[in-house]
Amino acid sequence: MVANMDMHVANAGSADSRGAARARPFILVVDDDRQLVDELVVGLSSYGFDVHVCPDPAEALLLVGRLQPDVVIAANVGGRIGTIEFLSIVRASEPELPLFAGADADSGAFAARAAAKANIVIPRPYRLRELPALLQSYVRAGSPWQSRPQALSLGRLRVDAVTPQMWLDGECTRLPPREFALLRYFAEHEGAVVSRQELIDAAWHGSATHSNTLTVHIARLRRRLGDDEANPQWIRAIRGFGYQFRAPSA
């Protein structure tokens, strides 16, 4: 454990001290384990979050009011006040602020006490395959970043508006940029027949691209969707023109 770890911000952009004009959800992390924190910052940043880290719960109390985070993640760390007291004070002063308590496997007593104050107790070390989607589900309505374009929901499929990821049957998958651009275009034009050139323009933005490259990317996207090229449920090839995308009803 690192007692005097410096605070740092990942991708804070142009956010001011009151949280105005933010383009991405903002997470305050109260944790003093440098290795876990570094992994968390890198992971959440790649999923489109801004992250501010503070190792001291007492100092984090001041930051809650000044930075107005969308979610707070607090691990069981010591200091002038403990994490349970920190959670109690924040819950009383900011009743709508989502609070996550990070609990190690051997900290059952802390987890039980934290559960009475936090919205949810999550495993620590943090599970970066699951945490981003969980955070997004708790971000407060009306937070500044929510003025961004909204995700598209099509039955079993949800496609993010900005971050290259999709959720299929609730499972989050990161997408390479070209596949994300193709899926986003398909989702925005569900049911319409779109030409191969439209798709190339959407994903390659006018760059010279061979038609076979598009075919390869669509094949990869089909595999991610669990689609069968011989009997497609999501992406149908329309001979002589292009493709049609439809979300299956079940």
C-alpha atoms as a PDB file:
ATOM      1  CA  MET A   1       0.000   0.000   0.000  1.00  0.00           C
ATOM      2  CA  VAL A   2       1.242   3.496  -0.795  1.00  0.00           C
ATOM      3  CA  ALA A   3       0.406   6.031   1.884  1.00  0.00           C
ATOM      4  CA  ASN A   4       1.459   9.185   0.045  1.00  0.00           C
ATOM      5  CA  MET A   5       0.452   8.524  -3.523  1.00  0.00           C
ATOM      6  CA  ASP A   6      -0.052  11.741  -5.474  1.00  0.00           C
ATOM      7  CA  MET A   7      -3.496  12.488  -6.844  1.00  0.00           C
ATOM      8  CA  HIS A   8      -3.740  12.360 -10.599  1.00  0.00           C
ATOM      9  CA  VAL A   9      -6.339  12.892 -13.286  1.00  0.00           C
ATOM     10  CA  ALA A  10      -6.759  10.872 -16.461  1.00  0.00           C
ATOM     11  CA  ASN A  11      -8.238  12.670 -19.470  1.00  0.00           C
ATOM     12  CA  ALA A  12      -9.817  15.422 -17.419  1.00  0.00           C
ATOM     13  CA  GLY A  13     -10.073  17.557 -20.533  1.00  0.00           C
ATOM     14  CA  SER A  14     -11.758  20.899 -20.072  1.00  0.00           C
ATOM     15  CA  ALA A  15     -13.788  20.020 -16.987  1.00  0.00           C
ATOM     16  CA  ASP A  16     -13.855  22.910 -14.547  1.00  0.00           C
ATOM     17  CA  SER A  17     -13.942  22.629 -10.759  1.00  0.00           C
ATOM     18  CA  ARG A  18     -17.741  22.415 -10.694  1.00  0.00           C
ATOM     19  CA  GLY A  19     -18.007  19.665 -13.296  1.00  0.00           C
ATOM     20  CA  ALA A  20     -19.481  21.875 -16.047  1.00  0.00           C
ATOM     21  CA  ALA A  21     -19.153  21.179 -19.766  1.00  0.00           C
ATOM     22  CA  ARG A  22     -17.793  17.667 -19.349  1.00  0.00           C
ATOM     23  CA  ALA A  23     -18.001  15.408 -22.365  1.00  0.00           C
ATOM     24  CA  ARG A  24     -17.357  12.130 -20.509  1.00  0.00           C
ATOM     25  CA  PRO A  25     -18.554  10.594 -17.234  1.00  0.00           C
ATOM     26  CA  PHE A  26     -16.281  11.562 -14.350  1.00  0.00           C
ATOM     27  CA  ILE A  27     -15.262   9.035 -11.680  1.00  0.00           C
ATOM     28  CA  LEU A  28     -13.613   9.857  -8.345  1.00  0.00           C
ATOM     29  CA  VAL A  29     -11.569   6.927  -7.019  1.00  0.00           C
ATOM     30  CA  VAL A  30     -10.518   6.811  -3.358  1.00  0.00           C
ATOM     31  CA  ASP A  31      -7.793   4.168  -3.207  1.00  0.00           C
ATOM     32  CA  ASP A  32      -4.146   4.104  -2.132  1.00  0.00           C
ATOM     33  CA  ASP A  33      -2.895   1.015  -3.967  1.00  0.00           C
ATOM     34  CA  ARG A  34      -0.839   2.448  -6.808  1.00  0.00           C
ATOM     35  CA  GLN A  35      -0.788  -0.692  -8.946  1.00  0.00           C
ATOM     36  CA  LEU A  36      -4.538  -1.265  -8.740  1.00  0.00           C
ATOM     37  CA  VAL A  37      -5.222   2.423  -9.324  1.00  0.00           C
ATOM     38  CA  ASP A  38      -2.955   2.616 -12.369  1.00  0.00           C
ATOM     39  CA  GLU A  39      -4.686  -0.396 -13.923  1.00  0.00           C
ATOM     40  CA  LEU A  40      -8.087   1.102 -13.112  1.00  0.00           C
ATOM     41  CA  VAL A  41      -7.249   4.496 -14.618  1.00  0.00           C
ATOM     42  CA  VAL A  42      -5.919   2.978 -17.841  1.00  0.00           C
ATOM     43  CA  GLY A  43      -8.855   0.594 -18.127  1.00  0.00           C
ATOM     44  CA  LEU A  44     -11.625   3.107 -17.438  1.00  0.00           C
ATOM     45  CA  SER A  45     -10.005   5.754 -19.629  1.00  0.00           C
ATOM     46  CA  SER A  46     -10.039   3.324 -22.552  1.00  0.00           C
ATOM     47  CA  TYR A  47     -13.790   2.913 -22.016  1.00  0.00           C
ATOM     48  CA  GLY A  48     -14.452   6.648 -22.171  1.00  0.00           C
ATOM     49  CA  PHE A  49     -14.334   7.693 -18.503  1.00  0.00           C
ATOM     50  CA  ASP A  50     -12.386  10.517 -16.896  1.00  0.00           C
ATOM     51  CA  VAL A  51     -10.842   9.400 -13.607  1.00  0.00           C
ATOM     52  CA  HIS A  52      -9.522  11.396 -10.652  1.00  0.00           C
ATOM     53  CA  VAL A  53      -7.674   9.489  -7.932  1.00  0.00           C
ATOM     54  CA  CYS A  54      -7.271  10.492  -4.296  1.00  0.00           C
ATOM     55  CA  PRO A  55      -5.656   8.179  -1.704  1.00  0.00           C
ATOM     56  CA  ASP A  56      -7.037  10.025   1.343  1.00  0.00           C
ATOM     57  CA  PRO A  57     -10.759   9.825   2.274  1.00  0.00           C
ATOM     58  CA  ALA A  58     -10.591  13.132   4.168  1.00  0.00           C
ATOM     59  CA  GLU A  59      -9.243  14.985   1.153  1.00  0.00           C
ATOM     60  CA  ALA A  60     -11.695  13.144  -1.086  1.00  0.00           C
ATOM     61  CA  LEU A  61     -14.553  14.710   0.904  1.00  0.00           C
ATOM     62  CA  LEU A  62     -13.473  18.129  -0.349  1.00  0.00           C
ATOM     63  CA  LEU A  63     -13.152  16.831  -3.899  1.00  0.00           C
ATOM     64  CA  VAL A  64     -16.707  15.477  -3.951  1.00  0.00           C
ATOM     65  CA  GLY A  65     -18.045  19.007  -3.595  1.00  0.00           C
ATOM     66  CA  ARG A  66     -15.462  20.664  -5.821  1.00  0.00           C
ATOM     67  CA  LEU A  67     -15.325  18.177  -8.696  1.00  0.00           C
ATOM     68  CA  GLN A  68     -18.910  16.874  -8.579  1.00  0.00           C
ATOM     69  CA  PRO A  69     -18.118  13.353  -9.810  1.00  0.00           C
ATOM     70  CA  ASP A  70     -20.752  11.214 -11.477  1.00  0.00           C
ATOM     71  CA  VAL A  71     -19.747   8.164  -9.403  1.00  0.00           C
ATOM     72  CA  VAL A  72     -17.389   7.600  -6.454  1.00  0.00           C
ATOM     73  CA  ILE A  73     -15.442   4.357  -5.995  1.00  0.00           C
ATOM     74  CA  ALA A  74     -13.992   4.027  -2.480  1.00  0.00           C
ATOM     75  CA  ALA A  75     -11.735   1.216  -1.274  1.00  0.00           C
ATOM     76  CA  ASN A  76     -11.008   0.350   2.355  1.00  0.00           C
ATOM     77  CA  VAL A  77      -8.152   2.769   3.045  1.00  0.00           C
ATOM     78  CA  GLY A  78      -7.000   4.564   6.173  1.00  0.00           C
ATOM     79  CA  GLY A  79      -6.258   8.194   6.914  1.00  0.00           C
ATOM     80  CA  ARG A  80      -7.647  10.970   9.067  1.00  0.00           C
ATOM     81  CA  ILE A  81     -11.048   9.382   8.538  1.00  0.00           C
ATOM     82  CA  GLY A  82     -11.830   5.864   7.381  1.00  0.00           C
ATOM     83  CA  THR A  83     -13.717   4.810   4.286  1.00  0.00           C
ATOM     84  CA  ILE A  84     -16.897   3.926   6.196  1.00  0.00           C
ATOM     85  CA  GLU A  85     -17.014   7.414   7.717  1.00  0.00           C
ATOM     86  CA  PHE A  86     -16.291   8.901   4.293  1.00  0.00           C
ATOM     87  CA  LEU A  87     -19.197   6.966   2.769  1.00  0.00           C
ATOM     88  CA  SER A  88     -21.495   8.017   5.622  1.00  0.00           C
ATOM     89  CA  ILE A  89     -20.694  11.711   5.216  1.00  0.00           C
ATOM     90  CA  VAL A  90     -21.035  11.654   1.431  1.00  0.00           C
ATOM     91  CA  ARG A  91     -24.294   9.727   1.606  1.00  0.00           C
ATOM     92  CA  ALA A  92     -25.740  12.316   4.001  1.00  0.00           C
ATOM     93  CA  SER A  93     -24.586  15.314   1.966  1.00  0.00           C
ATOM     94  CA  GLU A  94     -25.070  13.882  -1.551  1.00  0.00           C
ATOM     95  CA  PRO A  95     -27.916  11.359  -1.299  1.00  0.00           C
ATOM     96  CA  GLU A  96     -28.220  10.955  -5.093  1.00  0.00           C
ATOM     97  CA  LEU A  97     -24.509  10.407  -5.765  1.00  0.00           C
ATOM     98  CA  PRO A  98     -23.787   6.752  -6.675  1.00  0.00           C
ATOM     99  CA  LEU A  99     -21.243   5.249  -4.270  1.00  0.00           C
ATOM    100  CA  PHE A 100     -19.288   2.073  -5.035  1.00  0.00           C
ATOM    101  CA  ALA A 101     -17.329   0.365  -2.254  1.00  0.00           C
ATOM    102  CA  GLY A 102     -14.352  -1.712  -3.401  1.00  0.00           C
ATOM    103  CA  ALA A 103     -13.882  -4.692  -1.090  1.00  0.00           C
ATOM    104  CA  ASP A 104     -11.066  -7.249  -1.072  1.00  0.00           C
ATOM    105  CA  ALA A 105     -12.011 -10.917  -0.842  1.00  0.00           C
ATOM    106  CA  ASP A 106     -10.835 -11.111   2.783  1.00  0.00           C
ATOM    107  CA  SER A 107     -12.586  -7.933   3.977  1.00  0.00           C
ATOM    108  CA  GLY A 108     -16.020  -9.306   4.789  1.00  0.00           C
ATOM    109  CA  ALA A 109     -16.550  -7.016   7.785  1.00  0.00           C
ATOM    110  CA  PHE A 110     -15.788  -3.915   5.712  1.00  0.00           C
ATOM    111  CA  ALA A 111     -18.052  -5.116   2.890  1.00  0.00           C
ATOM    112  CA  ALA A 112     -20.939  -5.652   5.300  1.00  0.00           C
ATOM    113  CA  ARG A 113     -20.591  -2.161   6.811  1.00  0.00           C
ATOM    114  CA  ALA A 114     -20.046  -0.512   3.428  1.00  0.00           C
ATOM    115  CA  ALA A 115     -23.167  -2.146   1.992  1.00  0.00           C
ATOM    116  CA  ALA A 116     -25.270  -0.041   4.367  1.00  0.00           C
ATOM    117  CA  LYS A 117     -23.845   3.187   2.894  1.00  0.00           C
ATOM    118  CA  ALA A 118     -22.899   2.422  -0.709  1.00  0.00           C
ATOM    119  CA  ASN A 119     -25.145   1.667  -3.654  1.00  0.00           C
ATOM    120  CA  ILE A 120     -23.117  -1.425  -4.427  1.00  0.00           C
ATOM    121  CA  VAL A 121     -20.072  -3.313  -3.144  1.00  0.00           C
ATOM    122  CA  ILE A 122     -17.737  -4.405  -5.944  1.00  0.00           C
ATOM    123  CA  PRO A 123     -14.788  -6.823  -5.914  1.00  0.00           C
ATOM    124  CA  ARG A 124     -11.268  -5.489  -5.506  1.00  0.00           C
ATOM    125  CA  PRO A 125      -9.002  -5.985  -7.491  1.00  0.00           C
ATOM    126  CA  TYR A 126     -11.412  -4.326  -9.882  1.00  0.00           C
ATOM    127  CA  ARG A 127     -12.942  -6.351 -12.704  1.00  0.00           C
ATOM    128  CA  LEU A 128     -12.408  -4.155 -15.728  1.00  0.00           C
ATOM    129  CA  ARG A 129     -14.460  -6.343 -18.061  1.00  0.00           C
ATOM    130  CA  GLU A 130     -17.580  -5.713 -15.964  1.00  0.00           C
ATOM    131  CA  LEU A 131     -17.034  -2.373 -14.234  1.00  0.00           C
ATOM    132  CA  PRO A 132     -17.487   0.089 -17.165  1.00  0.00           C
ATOM    133  CA  ALA A 133     -21.007  -1.098 -17.993  1.00  0.00           C
ATOM    134  CA  LEU A 134     -21.888  -1.124 -14.294  1.00  0.00           C
ATOM    135  CA  LEU A 135     -20.636   2.443 -13.871  1.00  0.00           C
ATOM    136  CA  GLN A 136     -22.623   3.648 -16.859  1.00  0.00           C
ATOM    137  CA  SER A 137     -25.783   2.138 -15.434  1.00  0.00           C
ATOM    138  CA  TYR A 138     -25.349   4.205 -12.250  1.00  0.00           C
ATOM    139  CA  VAL A 139     -24.315   7.562 -13.710  1.00  0.00           C
ATOM    140  CA  ARG A 140     -26.842  10.143 -12.613  1.00  0.00           C
ATOM    141  CA  ALA A 141     -29.443  11.389 -15.058  1.00  0.00           C
ATOM    142  CA  GLY A 142     -28.759  15.022 -15.853  1.00  0.00           C
ATOM    143  CA  SER A 143     -24.990  14.743 -15.425  1.00  0.00           C
ATOM    144  CA  PRO A 144     -23.230  17.156 -17.797  1.00  0.00           C
ATOM    145  CA  TRP A 145     -21.783  14.407 -19.994  1.00  0.00           C
ATOM    146  CA  GLN A 146     -25.239  13.020 -20.756  1.00  0.00           C
ATOM    147  CA  SER A 147     -25.843  15.760 -23.300  1.00  0.00           C
ATOM    148  CA  ARG A 148     -23.700  13.693 -25.661  1.00  0.00           C
ATOM    149  CA  PRO A 149     -25.426  11.512 -28.313  1.00  0.00           C
ATOM    150  CA  GLN A 150     -27.241   8.615 -26.732  1.00  0.00           C
ATOM    151  CA  ALA A 151     -26.576   4.914 -27.216  1.00  0.00           C
ATOM    152  CA  LEU A 152     -28.816   3.025 -29.621  1.00  0.00           C
ATOM    153  CA  SER A 153     -30.833   0.124 -28.202  1.00  0.00           C
ATOM    154  CA  LEU A 154     -32.144  -2.482 -30.634  1.00  0.00           C
ATOM    155  CA  GLY A 155     -33.617  -5.422 -28.766  1.00  0.00           C
ATOM    156  CA  ARG A 156     -30.764  -7.583 -27.502  1.00  0.00           C
ATOM    157  CA  LEU A 157     -28.189  -5.133 -28.856  1.00  0.00           C
ATOM    158  CA  ARG A 158     -27.038  -1.779 -27.497  1.00  0.00           C
ATOM    159  CA  VAL A 159     -24.459   0.305 -29.364  1.00  0.00           C
ATOM    160  CA  ASP A 160     -22.633   3.148 -27.632  1.00  0.00           C
ATOM    161  CA  ALA A 161     -22.765   6.572 -29.250  1.00  0.00           C
ATOM    162  CA  VAL A 162     -19.131   7.553 -28.696  1.00  0.00           C
ATOM    163  CA  THR A 163     -17.064   4.813 -27.075  1.00  0.00           C
ATOM    164  CA  PRO A 164     -16.376   1.884 -29.451  1.00  0.00           C
ATOM    165  CA  GLN A 165     -18.326  -0.800 -27.647  1.00  0.00           C
ATOM    166  CA  MET A 166     -21.535  -2.765 -27.821  1.00  0.00           C
ATOM    167  CA  TRP A 167     -23.629  -4.808 -25.420  1.00  0.00           C
ATOM    168  CA  LEU A 168     -25.162  -8.042 -26.695  1.00  0.00           C
ATOM    169  CA  ASP A 169     -27.481  -9.777 -24.228  1.00  0.00           C
ATOM    170  CA  GLY A 170     -25.977  -7.536 -21.542  1.00  0.00           C
ATOM    171  CA  GLU A 171     -22.342  -8.474 -22.241  1.00  0.00           C
ATOM    172  CA  CYS A 172     -20.054  -5.589 -23.141  1.00  0.00           C
ATOM    173  CA  THR A 173     -17.600  -5.985 -26.041  1.00  0.00           C
ATOM    174  CA  ARG A 174     -14.983  -3.474 -27.163  1.00  0.00           C
ATOM    175  CA  LEU A 175     -14.892  -2.982 -30.924  1.00  0.00           C
ATOM    176  CA  PRO A 176     -12.089  -1.948 -33.276  1.00  0.00           C
ATOM    177  CA  PRO A 177     -12.816   1.513 -34.725  1.00  0.00           C
ATOM    178  CA  ARG A 178     -13.867   0.332 -38.213  1.00  0.00           C
ATOM    179  CA  GLU A 179     -16.215  -2.337 -36.881  1.00  0.00           C
ATOM    180  CA  PHE A 180     -17.715   0.174 -34.453  1.00  0.00           C
ATOM    181  CA  ALA A 181     -18.307   2.682 -37.264  1.00  0.00           C
ATOM    182  CA  LEU A 182     -19.971   0.000 -39.385  1.00  0.00           C
ATOM    183  CA  LEU A 183     -22.170  -1.248 -36.546  1.00  0.00           C
ATOM    184  CA  ARG A 184     -23.153   2.285 -35.580  1.00  0.00           C
ATOM    185  CA  TYR A 185     -24.117   3.057 -39.194  1.00  0.00           C
ATOM    186  CA  PHE A 186     -26.082  -0.176 -39.464  1.00  0.00           C
ATOM    187  CA  ALA A 187     -27.900   0.553 -36.192  1.00  0.00           C
ATOM    188  CA  GLU A 188     -28.764   4.100 -37.277  1.00  0.00           C
ATOM    189  CA  HIS A 189     -30.233   2.718 -40.523  1.00  0.00           C
ATOM    190  CA  GLU A 190     -31.888  -0.441 -39.218  1.00  0.00           C
ATOM    191  CA  GLY A 191     -34.141  -2.013 -41.823  1.00  0.00           C
ATOM    192  CA  ALA A 192     -32.801   0.069 -44.703  1.00  0.00           C
ATOM    193  CA  VAL A 193     -30.736  -1.406 -47.505  1.00  0.00           C
ATOM    194  CA  VAL A 194     -27.412   0.436 -47.540  1.00  0.00           C
ATOM    195  CA  SER A 195     -24.849   0.314 -50.319  1.00  0.00           C
ATOM    196  CA  ARG A 196     -21.310  -0.915 -49.934  1.00  0.00           C
ATOM    197  CA  GLN A 197     -20.083   2.574 -50.800  1.00  0.00           C
ATOM    198  CA  GLU A 198     -22.172   4.105 -48.004  1.00  0.00           C
ATOM    199  CA  LEU A 199     -20.566   1.715 -45.533  1.00  0.00           C
ATOM    200  CA  ILE A 200     -17.075   2.438 -46.839  1.00  0.00           C
ATOM    201  CA  ASP A 201     -17.717   6.175 -46.517  1.00  0.00           C
ATOM    202  CA  ALA A 202     -19.027   5.709 -42.966  1.00  0.00           C
ATOM    203  CA  ALA A 203     -16.091   3.623 -41.744  1.00  0.00           C
ATOM    204  CA  TRP A 204     -13.170   4.868 -43.842  1.00  0.00           C
ATOM    205  CA  HIS A 205     -14.285   8.484 -44.370  1.00  0.00           C
ATOM    206  CA  GLY A 206     -13.352   8.694 -48.029  1.00  0.00           C
ATOM    207  CA  SER A 207     -10.023   6.864 -47.771  1.00  0.00           C
ATOM    208  CA  ALA A 208      -9.282   4.532 -50.665  1.00  0.00           C
ATOM    209  CA  THR A 209     -10.484   1.119 -49.510  1.00  0.00           C
ATOM    210  CA  HIS A 210     -10.849  -2.126 -51.427  1.00  0.00           C
ATOM    211  CA  SER A 211     -14.317  -3.657 -51.383  1.00  0.00           C
ATOM    212  CA  ASN A 212     -12.851  -6.907 -50.042  1.00  0.00           C
ATOM    213  CA  THR A 213     -11.697  -5.030 -46.938  1.00  0.00           C
ATOM    214  CA  LEU A 214     -15.307  -4.124 -46.204  1.00  0.00           C
ATOM    215  CA  THR A 215     -16.317  -7.767 -46.666  1.00  0.00           C
ATOM    216  CA  VAL A 216     -13.688  -8.879 -44.134  1.00  0.00           C
ATOM    217  CA  HIS A 217     -14.820  -6.318 -41.547  1.00  0.00           C
ATOM    218  CA  ILE A 218     -18.470  -7.272 -41.958  1.00  0.00           C
ATOM    219  CA  ALA A 219     -17.552 -10.944 -41.528  1.00  0.00           C
ATOM    220  CA  ARG A 220     -15.801 -10.075 -38.246  1.00  0.00           C
ATOM    221  CA  LEU A 221     -18.795  -8.051 -37.111  1.00  0.00           C
ATOM    222  CA  ARG A 222     -21.098 -10.957 -37.910  1.00  0.00           C
ATOM    223  CA  ARG A 223     -18.988 -13.249 -35.731  1.00  0.00           C
ATOM    224  CA  ARG A 224     -19.220 -10.804 -32.821  1.00  0.00           C
ATOM    225  CA  LEU A 225     -22.994 -10.785 -33.207  1.00  0.00           C
ATOM    226  CA  GLY A 226     -23.136 -14.581 -33.409  1.00  0.00           C
ATOM    227  CA  ASP A 227     -24.560 -14.301 -36.918  1.00  0.00           C
ATOM    228  CA  ASP A 228     -24.540 -17.133 -39.460  1.00  0.00           C
ATOM    229  CA  GLU A 229     -23.599 -16.005 -42.961  1.00  0.00           C
ATOM    230  CA  ALA A 230     -25.544 -18.912 -44.466  1.00  0.00           C
ATOM    231  CA  ASN A 231     -28.683 -18.007 -42.496  1.00  0.00           C
ATOM    232  CA  PRO A 232     -28.141 -14.412 -41.311  1.00  0.00           C
ATOM    233  CA  GLN A 233     -30.277 -12.970 -38.541  1.00  0.00           C
ATOM    234  CA  TRP A 234     -28.515  -9.596 -38.208  1.00  0.00           C
ATOM    235  CA  ILE A 235     -26.736  -8.640 -41.443  1.00  0.00           C
ATOM    236  CA  ARG A 236     -28.159  -9.775 -44.792  1.00  0.00           C
ATOM    237  CA  ALA A 237     -26.232  -9.341 -48.030  1.00  0.00           C
ATOM    238  CA  ILE A 238     -28.406  -7.842 -50.774  1.00  0.00           C
ATOM    239  CA  ARG A 239     -26.989  -9.075 -54.065  1.00  0.00           C
ATOM    240  CA  GLY A 240     -25.848  -6.328 -56.385  1.00  0.00           C
ATOM    241  CA  PHE A 241     -26.360  -3.524 -53.877  1.00  0.00           C
ATOM    242  CA  GLY A 242     -25.170  -3.858 -50.297  1.00  0.00           C
ATOM    243  CA  TYR A 243     -26.500  -4.977 -46.922  1.00  0.00           C
ATOM    244  CA  GLN A 244     -29.548  -4.804 -44.699  1.00  0.00           C
ATOM    245  CA  PHE A 245     -29.282  -4.788 -40.908  1.00  0.00           C
ATOM    246  CA  ARG A 246     -32.143  -5.938 -38.670  1.00  0.00           C
ATOM    247  CA  ALA A 247     -32.118  -6.749 -34.966  1.00  0.00           C
ATOM    248  CA  PRO A 248     -33.727 -10.173 -34.375  1.00  0.00           C
ATOM    249  CA  SER A 249     -36.895 -10.109 -32.303  1.00  0.00           C
ATOM    250  CA  ALA A 250     -35.488 -12.799 -29.979  1.00  0.00           C
END
